[in-house]
Amino acid sequence: MKVGDLVVDPLGETAIILSEPHLSEDCMPDGEGYPDETYYVVDVWLTQFGCKESWITDDFEVFSEAR
């Protein structure tokens, strides 16, 4: 997955990836899930709602890759 890819979540919402995957703040020291959880997030642009969100990388699949 890379910036510009079109992704879809299990509910059918589509988004465009805006950032490279990075470790969630919850998984870092002083985070809610530290040290038991490790997961990565990306910033996405929701195509239907026109807003920015952060999605967990395990919760969606790449629908169409950017060139």
Protein backbone atom coordinates (compact mmCIF):
# COMPACT_ATOMS: atom_id res chain seq x y z
CA MET A 1 0.00 0.00 0.00
CA LYS A 2 1.19 3.47 -0.84
CA VAL A 3 0.08 7.09 -0.99
CA GLY A 4 -2.61 7.52 -3.65
CA ASP A 5 -4.04 3.99 -3.43
CA LEU A 6 -7.82 3.68 -3.32
CA VAL A 7 -8.95 1.55 -0.36
CA VAL A 8 -12.25 0.19 0.91
CA ASP A 9 -13.27 -0.78 4.45
CA PRO A 10 -15.65 -3.64 5.43
CA LEU A 11 -18.62 -1.22 5.45
CA GLY A 12 -17.95 -0.21 1.84
CA GLU A 13 -16.55 3.25 2.55
CA THR A 14 -13.85 4.23 0.06
CA ALA A 15 -10.85 6.43 0.74
CA ILE A 16 -7.56 7.55 -0.77
CA ILE A 17 -4.38 6.96 1.24
CA LEU A 18 -2.66 10.24 2.16
CA SER A 19 0.29 8.99 4.27
CA GLU A 20 2.67 6.09 4.68
CA PRO A 21 1.73 3.56 7.40
CA HIS A 22 3.04 4.53 10.83
CA LEU A 23 2.83 3.05 14.33
CA SER A 24 -0.25 4.25 16.18
CA GLU A 25 0.31 6.62 19.08
CA ASP A 26 -1.67 4.16 21.24
CA CYS A 27 1.15 1.63 20.78
CA MET A 28 3.93 3.98 21.90
CA PRO A 29 5.08 4.54 25.50
CA ASP A 30 2.35 6.37 27.44
CA GLY A 31 -0.24 5.15 24.90
CA GLU A 32 -3.38 3.26 25.93
CA GLY A 33 -2.30 0.00 24.27
CA TYR A 34 1.39 0.08 25.19
CA PRO A 35 3.11 -2.44 25.47
CA ASP A 36 0.47 -5.05 24.63
CA GLU A 37 -0.75 -3.78 21.24
CA THR A 38 1.02 -3.06 17.97
CA TYR A 39 -0.85 -1.74 14.96
CA TYR A 40 -0.27 0.72 12.15
CA VAL A 41 -2.45 3.53 10.83
CA VAL A 42 -2.60 5.67 7.69
CA ASP A 43 -4.26 9.00 7.05
CA VAL A 44 -6.99 8.71 4.41
CA TRP A 45 -9.33 11.05 2.54
CA LEU A 46 -12.91 9.74 2.61
CA THR A 47 -14.25 10.11 -0.91
CA GLN A 48 -17.94 10.21 0.05
CA PHE A 49 -17.68 12.68 2.93
CA GLY A 50 -14.71 14.79 1.84
CA CYS A 51 -12.88 14.61 5.14
CA LYS A 52 -9.66 13.21 6.57
CA GLU A 53 -9.49 10.27 9.02
CA SER A 54 -6.95 7.77 10.32
CA TRP A 55 -7.60 4.10 9.53
CA ILE A 56 -5.93 1.02 10.98
CA THR A 57 -4.12 -0.78 8.16
CA ASP A 58 -5.59 -4.19 9.07
CA ASP A 59 -9.16 -2.87 8.73
CA PHE A 60 -9.26 -2.22 4.97
CA GLU A 61 -8.05 -3.58 1.65
CA VAL A 62 -6.52 -1.92 -1.37
CA PHE A 63 -9.13 -1.54 -4.09
CA SER A 64 -7.01 0.15 -6.76
CA GLU A 65 -3.28 0.92 -6.72
CA ALA A 66 -1.93 4.33 -7.71
CA ARG A 67 0.62 4.43 -10.50
